[in-house]
Amino acid sequence: MSDMLARTRLTHQLQQDQLDLFRIQDQISTGRRISLPSDDAPAALRAITLQRLLERKQQVQVNLGTNQSFLAATDNALSSVSSLLADIRGSALAVASTTNTDEQRAAVAQQVDRAIQQLVDIGNQSFRGRYLFAGSRAGVQPYDY
């Protein structure tokens, strides 16, 4: 009986060694220590946790890039508003004196009307489907002329 037990134990050990050898060959060929989560459950859990963390960080990077682009578009629009207001202010001050004719004042009034339309257009600019100056209702056009 002890002969049979020794043979069984030896056969079992040989099978276990072959299985270990297969796992090592698989690790070498794939370059991965874990093929299935059951190979090493604690390590697999750590790997999954790290993968999720990397995915979240990548999403944060994408969000930051999008927000920076949105802010750059907003900054450009505000620069346009500032420039337009400065031009109109200069024109209005130029005809504010009593020596200007009614035609000159009417021309500046038309400029002001065009500037107001341009301001409304700038206020309604959108970036990737979101209006820049619509606040929390980014899908609704914020200004009407």
Protein backbone atom coordinates (compact mmCIF):
# COMPACT_ATOMS: atom_id res chain seq x y z
CA MET A 1 0.00 0.00 0.00
CA SER A 2 2.83 2.42 0.72
CA ASP A 3 4.15 1.75 -2.80
CA MET A 4 0.80 2.84 -4.23
CA LEU A 5 0.72 5.94 -2.00
CA ALA A 6 4.23 6.95 -3.04
CA ARG A 7 3.36 6.48 -6.72
CA THR A 8 0.17 8.56 -6.32
CA ARG A 9 2.01 11.33 -4.51
CA LEU A 10 4.77 11.32 -7.12
CA THR A 11 2.24 11.44 -9.96
CA HIS A 12 0.39 14.29 -8.27
CA GLN A 13 3.64 16.20 -7.72
CA LEU A 14 4.61 15.66 -11.36
CA GLN A 15 1.25 16.98 -12.54
CA GLN A 16 1.56 20.00 -10.24
CA ASP A 17 5.09 20.71 -11.56
CA GLN A 18 3.84 20.46 -15.16
CA LEU A 19 1.02 22.88 -14.36
CA ASP A 20 3.49 25.33 -12.75
CA LEU A 21 5.77 25.00 -15.79
CA PHE A 22 2.83 25.70 -18.11
CA ARG A 23 1.94 28.81 -16.09
CA ILE A 24 5.51 30.09 -16.24
CA GLN A 25 5.70 29.46 -20.00
CA ASP A 26 2.39 31.29 -20.41
CA GLN A 27 3.69 34.23 -18.36
CA ILE A 28 6.86 34.41 -20.49
CA SER A 29 4.99 34.19 -23.80
CA THR A 30 2.29 36.75 -22.93
CA GLY A 31 4.41 39.04 -20.77
CA ARG A 32 1.67 38.98 -18.15
CA ARG A 33 1.95 37.53 -14.68
CA ILE A 34 -1.83 37.28 -14.33
CA SER A 35 -3.99 35.91 -17.13
CA LEU A 36 -7.12 35.34 -15.09
CA PRO A 37 -8.15 37.03 -11.85
CA SER A 38 -8.17 33.59 -10.24
CA ASP A 39 -4.42 33.26 -10.86
CA ASP A 40 -3.71 35.74 -8.05
CA ALA A 41 -6.86 37.36 -6.67
CA PRO A 42 -5.20 40.02 -4.46
CA ALA A 43 -2.83 41.09 -7.25
CA ALA A 44 -5.69 41.10 -9.75
CA LEU A 45 -7.71 43.34 -7.43
CA ARG A 46 -4.76 45.75 -7.15
CA ALA A 47 -4.33 45.72 -10.93
CA ILE A 48 -8.02 46.46 -11.49
CA THR A 49 -7.90 49.27 -8.92
CA LEU A 50 -4.85 50.80 -10.61
CA GLN A 51 -6.46 50.48 -14.04
CA ARG A 52 -9.54 52.36 -12.83
CA LEU A 53 -7.34 55.05 -11.30
CA LEU A 54 -5.48 55.47 -14.60
CA GLU A 55 -8.77 55.72 -16.49
CA ARG A 56 -10.05 58.39 -14.10
CA LYS A 57 -6.83 60.37 -14.48
CA GLN A 58 -7.06 60.17 -18.26
CA GLN A 59 -10.66 61.43 -18.10
CA VAL A 60 -9.56 64.31 -15.88
CA GLN A 61 -6.90 65.23 -18.46
CA VAL A 62 -9.49 65.20 -21.25
CA ASN A 63 -11.85 67.33 -19.13
CA LEU A 64 -9.08 69.82 -18.36
CA GLY A 65 -8.18 70.14 -22.04
CA THR A 66 -11.82 70.72 -22.99
CA ASN A 67 -12.28 73.29 -20.22
CA GLN A 68 -9.11 75.12 -21.22
CA SER A 69 -10.35 75.30 -24.80
CA PHE A 70 -13.74 76.56 -23.59
CA LEU A 71 -12.04 79.23 -21.45
CA ALA A 72 -9.81 80.27 -24.36
CA ALA A 73 -12.89 80.71 -26.58
CA THR A 74 -14.58 82.72 -23.83
CA ASP A 75 -11.48 84.88 -23.39
CA ASN A 76 -11.38 85.58 -27.15
CA ALA A 77 -15.06 86.57 -27.10
CA LEU A 78 -14.51 88.90 -24.14
CA SER A 79 -11.53 90.48 -25.90
CA SER A 80 -13.76 91.12 -28.91
CA VAL A 81 -16.38 92.72 -26.67
CA SER A 82 -13.78 94.92 -25.01
CA SER A 83 -12.35 96.05 -28.33
CA LEU A 84 -15.79 96.72 -29.80
CA LEU A 85 -16.87 98.75 -26.75
CA ALA A 86 -13.68 100.80 -26.83
CA ASP A 87 -14.20 101.60 -30.53
CA ILE A 88 -17.84 102.62 -30.01
CA ARG A 89 -16.99 104.69 -26.95
CA GLY A 90 -14.37 106.55 -28.99
CA SER A 91 -16.85 107.19 -31.80
CA ALA A 92 -19.56 108.34 -29.39
CA LEU A 93 -17.20 110.72 -27.61
CA ALA A 94 -16.03 112.10 -30.96
CA VAL A 95 -19.55 113.24 -31.91
CA ALA A 96 -20.63 114.32 -28.43
CA SER A 97 -19.57 117.91 -28.99
CA THR A 98 -22.00 120.52 -30.28
CA THR A 99 -19.93 121.18 -33.42
CA ASN A 100 -20.87 117.91 -35.16
CA THR A 101 -23.66 117.70 -37.69
CA ASP A 102 -26.79 115.60 -37.43
CA GLU A 103 -25.50 113.40 -40.27
CA GLN A 104 -22.33 112.64 -38.30
CA ARG A 105 -24.37 111.78 -35.23
CA ALA A 106 -26.70 109.58 -37.30
CA ALA A 107 -23.70 107.74 -38.77
CA VAL A 108 -22.34 107.07 -35.29
CA ALA A 109 -25.81 105.97 -34.15
CA GLN A 110 -25.81 103.42 -36.99
CA GLN A 111 -22.37 102.29 -35.85
CA VAL A 112 -23.73 101.85 -32.33
CA ASP A 113 -26.67 99.81 -33.69
CA ARG A 114 -24.27 97.57 -35.65
CA ALA A 115 -22.08 97.25 -32.56
CA ILE A 116 -25.07 96.19 -30.46
CA GLN A 117 -25.86 93.50 -33.05
CA GLN A 118 -22.22 92.38 -32.96
CA LEU A 119 -22.34 92.26 -29.14
CA VAL A 120 -25.45 90.08 -29.30
CA ASP A 121 -23.70 87.82 -31.83
CA ILE A 122 -20.63 87.58 -29.60
CA GLY A 123 -22.86 86.87 -26.60
CA ASN A 124 -24.46 84.01 -28.57
CA GLN A 125 -21.19 82.38 -29.59
CA SER A 126 -21.02 78.67 -28.90
CA PHE A 127 -18.21 76.21 -28.37
CA ARG A 128 -18.82 72.52 -29.03
CA GLY A 129 -22.57 72.98 -28.81
CA ARG A 130 -22.52 75.04 -25.61
CA TYR A 131 -23.20 78.77 -25.58
CA LEU A 132 -20.30 80.59 -23.94
CA PHE A 133 -22.43 83.06 -21.97
CA ALA A 134 -25.58 81.05 -21.26
CA GLY A 135 -24.67 80.12 -17.69
CA SER A 136 -26.23 76.89 -16.47
CA ARG A 137 -28.56 76.75 -19.49
CA ALA A 138 -25.70 76.22 -21.96
CA GLY A 139 -27.99 74.73 -24.61
CA VAL A 140 -30.29 77.77 -24.84
CA GLN A 141 -29.36 80.86 -26.85
CA PRO A 142 -28.86 83.53 -24.20
CA TYR A 143 -29.50 86.80 -26.08
CA ASP A 144 -31.97 88.17 -28.63
CA TYR A 145 -31.59 91.44 -30.48
